[in-house]
C-alpha atoms as a PDB file:
ATOM      1  CA  MET A   1       7.893  17.658  15.908  1.00  0.00           C
ATOM      2  CA  ALA A   2       4.686  18.834  16.158  1.00  0.00           C
ATOM      3  CA  THR A   3       3.442  22.491  16.315  1.00  0.00           C
ATOM      4  CA  ARG A   4       0.127  24.188  16.976  1.00  0.00           C
ATOM      5  CA  ASN A   5      -2.051  26.274  14.618  1.00  0.00           C
ATOM      6  CA  GLN A   6      -5.462  28.050  14.853  1.00  0.00           C
ATOM      7  CA  PRO A   7      -8.364  25.854  15.632  1.00  0.00           C
ATOM      8  CA  LEU A   8     -10.201  24.116  12.954  1.00  0.00           C
ATOM      9  CA  PRO A   9     -14.009  23.118  12.705  1.00  0.00           C
ATOM     10  CA  LYS A  10     -14.496  19.524  14.411  1.00  0.00           C
ATOM     11  CA  THR A  11     -14.511  16.820  12.062  1.00  0.00           C
ATOM     12  CA  VAL A  12     -15.426  13.125  12.411  1.00  0.00           C
ATOM     13  CA  LEU A  13     -12.578  11.047  13.376  1.00  0.00           C
ATOM     14  CA  CYS A  14     -11.535   8.792  10.678  1.00  0.00           C
ATOM     15  CA  ASN A  15     -10.934   4.903  10.581  1.00  0.00           C
ATOM     16  CA  ILE A  16      -7.948   4.262   8.348  1.00  0.00           C
ATOM     17  CA  CYS A  17      -9.052   0.818   7.483  1.00  0.00           C
ATOM     18  CA  SER A  18     -12.355   1.931   6.213  1.00  0.00           C
ATOM     19  CA  PRO A  19     -12.664   1.683   2.249  1.00  0.00           C
ATOM     20  CA  ASP A  20     -15.177   4.632   1.920  1.00  0.00           C
ATOM     21  CA  MET A  21     -12.817   6.900   4.115  1.00  0.00           C
ATOM     22  CA  GLN A  22     -13.217  10.675   3.022  1.00  0.00           C
ATOM     23  CA  ARG A  23     -10.676  13.385   3.500  1.00  0.00           C
ATOM     24  CA  THR A  24     -11.180  17.223   3.320  1.00  0.00           C
ATOM     25  CA  LYS A  25      -7.930  17.348   1.214  1.00  0.00           C
ATOM     26  CA  PRO A  26      -6.341  14.225  -0.460  1.00  0.00           C
ATOM     27  CA  MET A  27      -2.843  13.554   0.826  1.00  0.00           C
ATOM     28  CA  THR A  28      -0.163  12.959  -1.365  1.00  0.00           C
ATOM     29  CA  ASN A  29       3.792  11.794  -1.216  1.00  0.00           C
ATOM     30  CA  GLU A  30       5.014  14.756  -3.080  1.00  0.00           C
ATOM     31  CA  LYS A  31       6.958  15.714   0.003  1.00  0.00           C
ATOM     32  CA  GLN A  32       9.257  12.587  -0.871  1.00  0.00           C
ATOM     33  CA  THR A  33       9.101  11.243   2.669  1.00  0.00           C
ATOM     34  CA  THR A  34      10.605   8.146   3.957  1.00  0.00           C
ATOM     35  CA  TRP A  35       7.011   7.039   4.579  1.00  0.00           C
ATOM     36  CA  ASP A  36       5.455   6.114   1.341  1.00  0.00           C
ATOM     37  CA  ARG A  37       1.802   5.787   2.776  1.00  0.00           C
ATOM     38  CA  LEU A  38       0.901   8.939   4.030  1.00  0.00           C
ATOM     39  CA  GLU A  39      -2.942   8.072   3.801  1.00  0.00           C
ATOM     40  CA  MET A  40      -2.327   5.562   6.535  1.00  0.00           C
ATOM     41  CA  LEU A  41      -1.122   8.044   9.162  1.00  0.00           C
ATOM     42  CA  VAL A  42      -3.363   9.336  11.816  1.00  0.00           C
ATOM     43  CA  CYS A  43      -2.820  12.118  14.424  1.00  0.00           C
ATOM     44  CA  PRO A  44      -1.012  10.103  17.125  1.00  0.00           C
ATOM     45  CA  SER A  45      -2.829  12.343  19.900  1.00  0.00           C
ATOM     46  CA  CYS A  46      -6.413  12.005  18.839  1.00  0.00           C
ATOM     47  CA  HIS A  47      -6.404   9.575  16.161  1.00  0.00           C
ATOM     48  CA  ALA A  48      -8.088  11.899  13.669  1.00  0.00           C
ATOM     49  CA  ARG A  49      -7.550  12.138   9.956  1.00  0.00           C
ATOM     50  CA  LEU A  50      -4.314  14.428   8.745  1.00  0.00           C
ATOM     51  CA  SER A  51      -4.126  16.673   5.724  1.00  0.00           C
ATOM     52  CA  ASP A  52      -1.204  18.237   3.795  1.00  0.00           C
ATOM     53  CA  CYS A  53      -0.134  21.724   4.689  1.00  0.00           C
ATOM     54  CA  ALA A  54       2.718  23.950   3.751  1.00  0.00           C
ATOM     55  CA  GLN A  55       4.546  22.811   7.195  1.00  0.00           C
ATOM     56  CA  GLY A  56       3.701  19.225   6.931  1.00  0.00           C
ATOM     57  CA  LEU A  57       0.901  17.205   8.054  1.00  0.00           C
ATOM     58  CA  ARG A  58      -2.081  18.870  10.035  1.00  0.00           C
ATOM     59  CA  CYS A  59      -4.653  17.090  12.256  1.00  0.00           C
ATOM     60  CA  THR A  60      -7.954  18.027  10.964  1.00  0.00           C
ATOM     61  CA  THR A  61      -9.513  17.868  14.702  1.00  0.00           C
ATOM     62  CA  CYS A  62      -6.944  19.042  17.114  1.00  0.00           C
ATOM     63  CA  ASN A  63      -4.845  21.087  14.714  1.00  0.00           C
ATOM     64  CA  LEU A  64      -1.513  19.788  15.601  1.00  0.00           C
ATOM     65  CA  ILE A  65       1.085  20.139  12.733  1.00  0.00           C
ATOM     66  CA  TYR A  66       3.722  17.251  12.171  1.00  0.00           C
ATOM     67  CA  THR A  67       6.596  18.402  10.198  1.00  0.00           C
ATOM     68  CA  VAL A  68       8.678  16.570   7.488  1.00  0.00           C
ATOM     69  CA  THR A  69      12.197  17.325   8.419  1.00  0.00           C
ATOM     70  CA  GLU A  70      14.947  15.840   6.049  1.00  0.00           C
ATOM     71  CA  SER A  71      12.249  13.910   4.560  1.00  0.00           C
ATOM     72  CA  ILE A  72      11.239  12.035   7.848  1.00  0.00           C
ATOM     73  CA  PRO A  73       7.716  12.658   9.199  1.00  0.00           C
ATOM     74  CA  ARG A  74       7.963  13.574  12.829  1.00  0.00           C
ATOM     75  CA  MET A  75       4.810  12.142  14.284  1.00  0.00           C
ATOM     76  CA  VAL A  76       5.718  13.124  17.816  1.00  0.00           C
ATOM     77  CA  ASP A  77       4.297  15.973  20.024  1.00  0.00           C
ATOM     78  CA  GLU A  78       6.881  16.891  22.821  1.00  0.00           C
ATOM     79  CA  SER A  79       4.083  17.993  25.010  1.00  0.00           C
ATOM     80  CA  TRP A  80       3.197  14.237  25.543  1.00  0.00           C
ATOM     81  CA  LEU A  81       6.593  13.502  26.948  1.00  0.00           C
ATOM     82  CA  ASP A  82       7.477  13.579  30.662  1.00  0.00           C
ATOM     83  CA  GLU A  83      10.835  14.596  31.808  1.00  0.00           C
ATOM     84  CA  ALA A  84      12.307  11.112  31.994  1.00  0.00           C
ATOM     85  CA  THR A  85      11.059  10.420  28.430  1.00  0.00           C
ATOM     86  CA  SER A  86      12.507  13.624  26.992  1.00  0.00           C
ATOM     87  CA  GLN A  87      16.015  12.775  28.774  1.00  0.00           C
ATOM     88  CA  GLU A  88      15.693   9.391  27.248  1.00  0.00           C
ATOM     89  CA  MET A  89      15.075  10.746  23.849  1.00  0.00           C
ATOM     90  CA  VAL A  90      18.023  13.058  23.963  1.00  0.00           C
ATOM     91  CA  ALA A  91      20.390  10.371  25.333  1.00  0.00           C
ATOM     92  CA  GLN A  92      19.255   7.886  22.719  1.00  0.00           C
ATOM     93  CA  ASP A  93      19.892  10.632  19.966  1.00  0.00           C
ATOM     94  CA  GLU A  94      23.504  11.261  21.619  1.00  0.00           C
ATOM     95  CA  HIS A  95      23.932   7.308  21.656  1.00  0.00           C
ATOM     96  CA  PHE A  96      22.944   6.808  18.008  1.00  0.00           C
ATOM     97  CA  ALA A  97      24.540   9.828  16.582  1.00  0.00           C
ATOM     98  CA  GLY A  98      27.689   9.094  14.569  1.00  0.00           C
ATOM     99  CA  LEU A  99      27.498   5.351  15.336  1.00  0.00           C
ATOM    100  CA  PRO A 100      30.276   3.027  14.100  1.00  0.00           C
ATOM    101  CA  ASP A 101      29.624   0.332  11.617  1.00  0.00           C
ATOM    102  CA  LYS A 102      29.720  -2.037  14.611  1.00  0.00           C
ATOM    103  CA  ALA A 103      26.539  -0.701  16.087  1.00  0.00           C
ATOM    104  CA  VAL A 104      24.775   0.288  12.791  1.00  0.00           C
ATOM    105  CA  PHE A 105      25.353  -3.354  11.340  1.00  0.00           C
ATOM    106  CA  LYS A 106      24.928  -5.540  14.548  1.00  0.00           C
ATOM    107  CA  PRO A 107      25.380  -8.293  14.950  1.00  0.00           C
ATOM    108  CA  ASP A 108      27.999  -8.468  12.153  1.00  0.00           C
ATOM    109  CA  TYR A 109      30.864  -6.884  14.306  1.00  0.00           C
ATOM    110  CA  HIS A 110      29.733  -8.687  17.570  1.00  0.00           C
ATOM    111  CA  SER A 111      31.514 -11.807  19.268  1.00  0.00           C
ATOM    112  CA  ARG A 112      30.454 -15.182  17.939  1.00  0.00           C
ATOM    113  CA  TYR A 113      28.633 -15.617  21.470  1.00  0.00           C
ATOM    114  CA  GLN A 114      26.613 -12.646  21.044  1.00  0.00           C
ATOM    115  CA  ARG A 115      25.639 -13.271  17.307  1.00  0.00           C
ATOM    116  CA  ARG A 116      24.658 -16.690  18.128  1.00  0.00           C
ATOM    117  CA  ARG A 117      22.389 -15.386  21.157  1.00  0.00           C
ATOM    118  CA  MET A 118      20.986 -12.588  19.170  1.00  0.00           C
ATOM    119  CA  ARG A 119      20.159 -14.925  16.359  1.00  0.00           C
ATOM    120  CA  ARG A 120      18.477 -17.617  18.644  1.00  0.00           C
ATOM    121  CA  HIS A 121      16.107 -14.956  19.901  1.00  0.00           C
ATOM    122  CA  LEU A 122      15.172 -13.615  16.503  1.00  0.00           C
ATOM    123  CA  GLY A 123      14.717 -17.328  15.212  1.00  0.00           C
ATOM    124  CA  ASP A 124      12.298 -17.885  17.906  1.00  0.00           C
ATOM    125  CA  LEU A 125      10.609 -14.364  17.306  1.00  0.00           C
ATOM    126  CA  LEU A 126      10.264 -15.429  13.597  1.00  0.00           C
ATOM    127  CA  THR A 127       8.921 -18.784  14.421  1.00  0.00           C
ATOM    128  CA  ASP A 128       6.425 -17.624  16.959  1.00  0.00           C
ATOM    129  CA  LEU A 129       5.108 -14.789  14.719  1.00  0.00           C
ATOM    130  CA  LYS A 130       4.487 -17.026  11.789  1.00  0.00           C
ATOM    131  CA  GLN A 131       2.902 -19.930  13.393  1.00  0.00           C
ATOM    132  CA  ASP A 132      -0.231 -21.023  11.215  1.00  0.00           C
ATOM    133  CA  SER A 133       0.204 -18.420   8.644  1.00  0.00           C
ATOM    134  CA  THR A 134       1.825 -19.157   5.188  1.00  0.00           C
ATOM    135  CA  GLU A 135       1.015 -15.693   3.216  1.00  0.00           C
ATOM    136  CA  PRO A 136       3.197 -12.597   3.674  1.00  0.00           C
ATOM    137  CA  LEU A 137       1.945 -10.301   6.412  1.00  0.00           C
ATOM    138  CA  SER A 138       2.506  -6.687   7.371  1.00  0.00           C
ATOM    139  CA  VAL A 139       4.497  -5.884  10.303  1.00  0.00           C
ATOM    140  CA  HIS A 140       5.437  -2.812  11.939  1.00  0.00           C
ATOM    141  CA  VAL A 141       8.458  -2.478  14.153  1.00  0.00           C
ATOM    142  CA  ALA A 142       8.493  -0.191  16.734  1.00  0.00           C
ATOM    143  CA  CYS A 143      11.651   0.990  18.669  1.00  0.00           C
ATOM    144  CA  CYS A 144      13.566  -0.235  15.294  1.00  0.00           C
ATOM    145  CA  GLY A 145      16.813   1.276  16.276  1.00  0.00           C
ATOM    146  CA  THR A 146      19.226   0.732  13.393  1.00  0.00           C
ATOM    147  CA  GLY A 147      17.070  -2.019  12.001  1.00  0.00           C
ATOM    148  CA  TYR A 148      18.413  -5.379  12.811  1.00  0.00           C
ATOM    149  CA  GLU A 149      15.080  -6.916  13.312  1.00  0.00           C
ATOM    150  CA  VAL A 150      13.634  -5.030  10.291  1.00  0.00           C
ATOM    151  CA  GLU A 151      16.238  -6.539   8.244  1.00  0.00           C
ATOM    152  CA  ALA A 152      15.545 -10.105   9.367  1.00  0.00           C
ATOM    153  CA  LEU A 153      11.719  -9.647   9.022  1.00  0.00           C
ATOM    154  CA  LEU A 154      12.245  -8.270   5.709  1.00  0.00           C
ATOM    155  CA  GLY A 155      14.412 -11.142   4.434  1.00  0.00           C
ATOM    156  CA  ALA A 156      11.633 -13.706   5.907  1.00  0.00           C
ATOM    157  CA  GLY A 157       9.219 -12.426   3.396  1.00  0.00           C
ATOM    158  CA  TRP A 158       7.265  -9.826   5.715  1.00  0.00           C
ATOM    159  CA  GLN A 159       5.878  -6.464   4.574  1.00  0.00           C
ATOM    160  CA  VAL A 160       7.942  -4.360   7.007  1.00  0.00           C
ATOM    161  CA  SER A 161       7.553  -0.646   8.158  1.00  0.00           C
ATOM    162  CA  ALA A 162       9.293   0.789  11.022  1.00  0.00           C
ATOM    163  CA  SER A 163       9.531   3.632  13.499  1.00  0.00           C
ATOM    164  CA  ASP A 164      11.620   5.090  16.266  1.00  0.00           C
ATOM    165  CA  LEU A 165      11.646   7.837  19.011  1.00  0.00           C
ATOM    166  CA  SER A 166      15.170   8.684  18.048  1.00  0.00           C
ATOM    167  CA  VAL A 167      15.736  10.259  14.569  1.00  0.00           C
ATOM    168  CA  GLN A 168      19.395   9.371  14.877  1.00  0.00           C
ATOM    169  CA  ALA A 169      18.559   5.717  15.065  1.00  0.00           C
ATOM    170  CA  LEU A 170      16.720   6.373  11.951  1.00  0.00           C
ATOM    171  CA  TYR A 171      19.552   7.708  10.318  1.00  0.00           C
ATOM    172  CA  GLY A 172      21.282   4.499  11.115  1.00  0.00           C
ATOM    173  CA  LEU A 173      18.480   2.460   9.638  1.00  0.00           C
ATOM    174  CA  SER A 174      18.709   4.335   6.569  1.00  0.00           C
ATOM    175  CA  LYS A 175      22.503   3.699   6.216  1.00  0.00           C
ATOM    176  CA  ARG A 176      21.959   0.056   7.082  1.00  0.00           C
ATOM    177  CA  SER A 177      19.376  -0.231   4.443  1.00  0.00           C
ATOM    178  CA  ALA A 178      21.178   1.718   1.665  1.00  0.00           C
ATOM    179  CA  THR A 179      24.371  -0.455   2.041  1.00  0.00           C
ATOM    180  CA  ARG A 180      22.295  -3.805   2.291  1.00  0.00           C
ATOM    181  CA  GLY A 181      20.239  -2.852  -1.002  1.00  0.00           C
ATOM    182  CA  TYR A 182      16.752  -2.710   0.328  1.00  0.00           C
ATOM    183  CA  GLN A 183      14.219   0.146   1.192  1.00  0.00           C
ATOM    184  CA  VAL A 184      11.512   0.239   4.069  1.00  0.00           C
ATOM    185  CA  PRO A 185       9.052   2.952   5.021  1.00  0.00           C
ATOM    186  CA  TYR A 186       9.985   4.680   8.291  1.00  0.00           C
ATOM    187  CA  LEU A 187       9.107   7.610  10.389  1.00  0.00           C
ATOM    188  CA  GLN A 188       9.689   8.978  13.991  1.00  0.00           C
ATOM    189  CA  ALA A 189       7.141   8.116  16.543  1.00  0.00           C
ATOM    190  CA  ASP A 190       6.728   7.371  20.211  1.00  0.00           C
ATOM    191  CA  VAL A 191       5.632   3.617  20.921  1.00  0.00           C
ATOM    192  CA  LEU A 192       3.278   5.016  23.519  1.00  0.00           C
ATOM    193  CA  HIS A 193       1.566   7.199  20.907  1.00  0.00           C
ATOM    194  CA  LEU A 194       1.780   5.460  17.541  1.00  0.00           C
ATOM    195  CA  PRO A 195       0.381   7.340  14.464  1.00  0.00           C
ATOM    196  CA  PHE A 196      -1.696   4.805  12.920  1.00  0.00           C
ATOM    197  CA  GLY A 197      -5.450   3.721  13.378  1.00  0.00           C
ATOM    198  CA  ASP A 198      -6.611   0.474  15.131  1.00  0.00           C
ATOM    199  CA  ASN A 199      -5.840  -2.789  13.078  1.00  0.00           C
ATOM    200  CA  SER A 200      -3.397  -1.050  10.747  1.00  0.00           C
ATOM    201  CA  PHE A 201      -0.964  -4.083  10.526  1.00  0.00           C
ATOM    202  CA  ASP A 202      -1.239  -7.763  10.698  1.00  0.00           C
ATOM    203  CA  VAL A 203       1.561  -7.900  13.213  1.00  0.00           C
ATOM    204  CA  ALA A 204       3.265  -5.491  15.647  1.00  0.00           C
ATOM    205  CA  VAL A 205       6.804  -5.929  17.210  1.00  0.00           C
ATOM    206  CA  ALA A 206       9.153  -4.289  19.571  1.00  0.00           C
ATOM    207  CA  VAL A 207      12.532  -5.528  20.497  1.00  0.00           C
ATOM    208  CA  GLU A 208      14.441  -3.835  23.443  1.00  0.00           C
ATOM    209  CA  GLY A 209      12.304  -0.872  23.299  1.00  0.00           C
ATOM    210  CA  LEU A 210       9.430  -0.633  25.814  1.00  0.00           C
ATOM    211  CA  HIS A 211      12.082  -0.921  28.879  1.00  0.00           C
ATOM    212  CA  HIS A 212      13.064   2.497  27.840  1.00  0.00           C
ATOM    213  CA  THR A 213       9.644   3.883  28.155  1.00  0.00           C
ATOM    214  CA  PRO A 214       7.943   5.381  31.378  1.00  0.00           C
ATOM    215  CA  ASP A 215       5.179   2.846  30.883  1.00  0.00           C
ATOM    216  CA  PRO A 216       5.871  -0.459  29.255  1.00  0.00           C
ATOM    217  CA  LEU A 217       2.345  -1.633  29.923  1.00  0.00           C
ATOM    218  CA  LYS A 218       1.014   1.356  27.682  1.00  0.00           C
ATOM    219  CA  GLY A 219       3.425   0.674  25.075  1.00  0.00           C
ATOM    220  CA  PHE A 220       2.404  -3.223  24.707  1.00  0.00           C
ATOM    221  CA  CYS A 221      -1.295  -2.264  24.506  1.00  0.00           C
ATOM    222  CA  GLU A 222      -0.471   0.323  21.867  1.00  0.00           C
ATOM    223  CA  LEU A 223       1.192  -2.330  19.910  1.00  0.00           C
ATOM    224  CA  GLY A 224      -1.886  -4.420  20.520  1.00  0.00           C
ATOM    225  CA  ARG A 225      -4.136  -1.692  19.275  1.00  0.00           C
ATOM    226  CA  ILE A 226      -2.495  -1.104  15.954  1.00  0.00           C
ATOM    227  CA  ALA A 227      -2.328  -4.928  15.067  1.00  0.00           C
ATOM    228  CA  ARG A 228      -4.964  -7.290  13.654  1.00  0.00           C
ATOM    229  CA  ARG A 229      -3.489 -10.537  14.512  1.00  0.00           C
ATOM    230  CA  ARG A 230      -0.408 -10.768  16.748  1.00  0.00           C
ATOM    231  CA  ILE A 231       2.056  -8.681  18.748  1.00  0.00           C
ATOM    232  CA  ALA A 232       5.430  -9.574  19.883  1.00  0.00           C
ATOM    233  CA  VAL A 233       8.131  -8.091  22.112  1.00  0.00           C
ATOM    234  CA  ILE A 234      11.551  -9.065  23.458  1.00  0.00           C
ATOM    235  CA  GLU A 235      12.573  -7.370  26.757  1.00  0.00           C
ATOM    236  CA  PRO A 236      14.903  -7.329  29.718  1.00  0.00           C
ATOM    237  CA  TYR A 237      13.191  -9.493  32.440  1.00  0.00           C
ATOM    238  CA  SER A 238      13.498  -9.505  36.070  1.00  0.00           C
ATOM    239  CA  GLY A 239      12.329 -12.171  38.479  1.00  0.00           C
ATOM    240  CA  GLY A 240      13.397 -14.386  41.413  1.00  0.00           C
ATOM    241  CA  LEU A 241      17.094 -15.072  41.705  1.00  0.00           C
ATOM    242  CA  LEU A 242      17.866 -12.156  39.076  1.00  0.00           C
ATOM    243  CA  ASN A 243      16.598  -9.693  41.533  1.00  0.00           C
ATOM    244  CA  ALA A 244      18.558 -10.974  44.292  1.00  0.00           C
ATOM    245  CA  LEU A 245      21.588 -10.714  42.250  1.00  0.00           C
ATOM    246  CA  ALA A 246      20.816  -7.223  41.009  1.00  0.00           C
ATOM    247  CA  ARG A 247      20.961  -5.969  44.547  1.00  0.00           C
ATOM    248  CA  LEU A 248      24.120  -7.244  44.848  1.00  0.00           C
ATOM    249  CA  GLY A 249      25.382  -5.679  41.603  1.00  0.00           C
ATOM    250  CA  LEU A 250      25.980  -8.906  39.901  1.00  0.00           C
ATOM    251  CA  ALA A 251      23.052  -8.601  37.327  1.00  0.00           C
ATOM    252  CA  HIS A 252      21.291  -6.086  35.062  1.00  0.00           C
ATOM    253  CA  ARG A 253      23.792  -3.873  33.569  1.00  0.00           C
ATOM    254  CA  PRO A 254      23.132  -0.055  33.349  1.00  0.00           C
ATOM    255  CA  GLU A 255      21.543   1.343  30.512  1.00  0.00           C
ATOM    256  CA  TYR A 256      23.619   3.145  27.891  1.00  0.00           C
ATOM    257  CA  SER A 257      21.337   6.167  28.193  1.00  0.00           C
ATOM    258  CA  GLY A 258      21.744   6.181  32.055  1.00  0.00           C
ATOM    259  CA  GLY A 259      18.188   6.065  32.501  1.00  0.00           C
ATOM    260  CA  GLN A 260      16.056   3.884  34.756  1.00  0.00           C
ATOM    261  CA  ALA A 261      15.114   0.613  32.879  1.00  0.00           C
ATOM    262  CA  ARG A 262      11.802  -0.612  33.370  1.00  0.00           C
ATOM    263  CA  ARG A 263      12.217  -4.358  32.787  1.00  0.00           C
ATOM    264  CA  LEU A 264       9.257  -6.851  32.493  1.00  0.00           C
ATOM    265  CA  THR A 265       8.253  -8.921  35.378  1.00  0.00           C
ATOM    266  CA  ALA A 266       5.890 -11.832  35.980  1.00  0.00           C
ATOM    267  CA  SER A 267       3.227  -9.313  37.263  1.00  0.00           C
ATOM    268  CA  LEU A 268       3.729  -7.018  34.724  1.00  0.00           C
ATOM    269  CA  ILE A 269       3.441  -9.520  31.926  1.00  0.00           C
ATOM    270  CA  GLU A 270       0.277 -10.752  33.827  1.00  0.00           C
ATOM    271  CA  GLN A 271      -1.063  -7.264  33.567  1.00  0.00           C
ATOM    272  CA  MET A 272      -0.116  -6.853  29.842  1.00  0.00           C
ATOM    273  CA  LEU A 273      -2.063 -10.023  28.943  1.00  0.00           C
ATOM    274  CA  SER A 274      -5.390  -8.948  30.988  1.00  0.00           C
ATOM    275  CA  VAL A 275      -5.764  -5.599  29.381  1.00  0.00           C
ATOM    276  CA  GLY A 276      -7.952  -5.342  26.103  1.00  0.00           C
ATOM    277  CA  ARG A 277      -8.133  -7.937  23.466  1.00  0.00           C
ATOM    278  CA  LEU A 278      -4.984  -9.655  23.985  1.00  0.00           C
ATOM    279  CA  GLN A 279      -4.229 -13.301  25.027  1.00  0.00           C
ATOM    280  CA  GLY A 280      -0.930 -14.987  25.741  1.00  0.00           C
ATOM    281  CA  THR A 281       0.413 -17.578  23.329  1.00  0.00           C
ATOM    282  CA  THR A 282       3.883 -17.863  24.056  1.00  0.00           C
ATOM    283  CA  THR A 283       6.537 -16.854  26.729  1.00  0.00           C
ATOM    284  CA  ARG A 284       9.947 -17.752  26.362  1.00  0.00           C
ATOM    285  CA  LEU A 285      12.556 -16.999  29.054  1.00  0.00           C
ATOM    286  CA  TYR A 286      16.299 -16.604  28.216  1.00  0.00           C
ATOM    287  CA  LEU A 287      19.424 -16.394  30.169  1.00  0.00           C
ATOM    288  CA  ASP A 288      22.201 -14.638  28.522  1.00  0.00           C
ATOM    289  CA  LEU A 289      25.483 -13.657  29.846  1.00  0.00           C
ATOM    290  CA  PRO A 290      25.821  -9.738  29.643  1.00  0.00           C
ATOM    291  CA  PRO A 291      28.170  -8.280  27.025  1.00  0.00           C
ATOM    292  CA  GLY A 292      31.281  -6.771  28.213  1.00  0.00           C
ATOM    293  CA  PRO A 293      35.244  -7.099  27.508  1.00  0.00           C
ATOM    294  CA  VAL A 294      35.683 -10.578  29.222  1.00  0.00           C
ATOM    295  CA  THR A 295      32.548 -12.097  27.628  1.00  0.00           C
ATOM    296  CA  ASP A 296      33.364 -10.754  24.266  1.00  0.00           C
ATOM    297  CA  TRP A 297      36.793 -11.820  24.455  1.00  0.00           C
ATOM    298  CA  PHE A 298      36.268 -15.373  25.406  1.00  0.00           C
ATOM    299  CA  GLY A 299      33.024 -15.445  23.157  1.00  0.00           C
ATOM    300  CA  ASP A 300      34.935 -14.707  20.152  1.00  0.00           C
ATOM    301  CA  LEU A 301      37.416 -17.518  20.553  1.00  0.00           C
ATOM    302  CA  PRO A 302      36.323 -20.532  18.165  1.00  0.00           C
ATOM    303  CA  VAL A 303      37.136 -23.191  20.928  1.00  0.00           C
ATOM    304  CA  ILE A 304      35.715 -21.428  23.854  1.00  0.00           C
ATOM    305  CA  GLU A 305      32.636 -19.936  22.356  1.00  0.00           C
ATOM    306  CA  PRO A 306      30.598 -23.473  21.735  1.00  0.00           C
ATOM    307  CA  LEU A 307      31.414 -24.245  25.387  1.00  0.00           C
ATOM    308  CA  LEU A 308      30.077 -20.734  26.577  1.00  0.00           C
ATOM    309  CA  SER A 309      27.072 -21.171  24.504  1.00  0.00           C
ATOM    310  CA  GLY A 310      26.401 -24.705  25.489  1.00  0.00           C
ATOM    311  CA  PHE A 311      26.918 -23.616  29.275  1.00  0.00           C
ATOM    312  CA  THR A 312      24.362 -20.829  28.889  1.00  0.00           C
ATOM    313  CA  ARG A 313      21.838 -23.080  27.304  1.00  0.00           C
ATOM    314  CA  LEU A 314      22.255 -25.601  29.928  1.00  0.00           C
ATOM    315  CA  ALA A 315      21.707 -23.061  32.764  1.00  0.00           C
ATOM    316  CA  GLN A 316      18.951 -21.497  30.949  1.00  0.00           C
ATOM    317  CA  GLY A 317      17.215 -24.936  30.634  1.00  0.00           C
ATOM    318  CA  MET A 318      17.675 -25.578  34.156  1.00  0.00           C
ATOM    319  CA  LEU A 319      16.470 -22.135  35.559  1.00  0.00           C
ATOM    320  CA  ARG A 320      13.381 -21.825  33.083  1.00  0.00           C
ATOM    321  CA  GLY A 321      11.566 -24.267  35.520  1.00  0.00           C
ATOM    322  CA  ILE A 322      11.624 -21.909  38.299  1.00  0.00           C
ATOM    323  CA  ARG A 323      10.887 -18.835  36.030  1.00  0.00           C
ATOM    324  CA  VAL A 324      14.479 -17.418  36.378  1.00  0.00           C
ATOM    325  CA  GLY A 325      15.916 -15.480  33.237  1.00  0.00           C
ATOM    326  CA  ASN A 326      17.091 -12.098  32.215  1.00  0.00           C
ATOM    327  CA  ARG A 327      15.278 -11.871  29.016  1.00  0.00           C
ATOM    328  CA  VAL A 328      11.901 -12.688  27.920  1.00  0.00           C
ATOM    329  CA  LEU A 329       9.866 -13.210  24.480  1.00  0.00           C
ATOM    330  CA  LEU A 330       6.276 -12.526  24.795  1.00  0.00           C
ATOM    331  CA  VAL A 331       3.751 -13.263  21.869  1.00  0.00           C
ATOM    332  CA  ALA A 332       0.211 -12.312  22.154  1.00  0.00           C
ATOM    333  CA  ASP A 333      -2.720 -12.855  20.068  1.00  0.00           C
ATOM    334  CA  CYS A 334      -5.288 -10.146  19.244  1.00  0.00           C
ATOM    335  CA  LYS A 335      -8.632 -11.627  20.250  1.00  0.00           C
END
C-alpha cells in the first residue's frame, strides 16, 4: 500500500510511451517483483514518474511510496478508496483467502453446463478482440481474479499482464500459473486508478470486475485510457424483464462479498460509449442460468446438460431481440 514521505521538488509528468523519457533515478527490477517492467509504471494518483527507494517505488511528484510486499508491487493508495470499496476489498480478500482448487482452477471443477457457458463467453471475447489483427498484441487484464481469462488470452497468443485489487486473488493467480507452467507479470491495482500511462497496452480487459466498484463508468474509461486499440468487459446486466424478476427475488444472485452489485444497464452502456475516445463495436447479451446446487447437479449430467444448454441458447436468442439478458459482453474501439 502507498505511504507518504516529505515533499519533493515538482517535476515534469512523464509519458511512459515516449522513447526519450528521462528519469531522475533509473528504475531496475532488482527487487525481484512479480512485475518485470517497472519502467512502465506510473503513479496511479497523478500519473507522474516513479523512482526506486528503500521502501519500494516513490512518485517523484506527489511523493507517494508504493511498497513491494512479498514481491508484489502494491500500487494502491487506500486514501482513494471510499468505505464501500474498502469493505469490498476486505470481502474479496476473505473470499479468495485459502481458495480450494475448484475456485483457483475454474472452470475445471464446474459443471458441464457452467464450463460450456464460460467458454462460450470467452470464445466470443477472443473473437471480438482479435477482429482484423493477426500479430500478437499486448493486453492487460484488470480485475484478473485467479487468472482464468489471463490463461485463455495467453494460450491464444497474446502478450498478457494482470492486476487485481485483492492480493489474495493474486496468490491464486500465482498458484494457477505455477501449476500450469507459465508466467505472467502481475501487481495489485485498483481498476479505477491503474498505474499505467495513456496507451500503454494494445488492449485492456476486465471480466466480472467493474460491478464490484463504486463507479463502473469510471473503470470503463480507465481501461480506455490505458488501451491503444480496444477494450472489452463482460459484466452482469440488468434490463427489462430481469429488473422485474429481481424485484420478485427470481433473478440476480447476491454477491459473494455481500456488497451492492452495480450491474450494467442500457443507459450506463450508452454513457460509457459517449465518454472520451471510445466507440462501440460489439454488444452481446447472454441469458445464463445462475449457478446453484440444482443447476450444477442437472448441469453435470451427460444427458441433461445438452438439453439445458440448448434451452438456454434458445431462450437467449428469443429474448435478445427485446434486449433482455443477465450478462453482457461489450467491446469498444479507441478512436
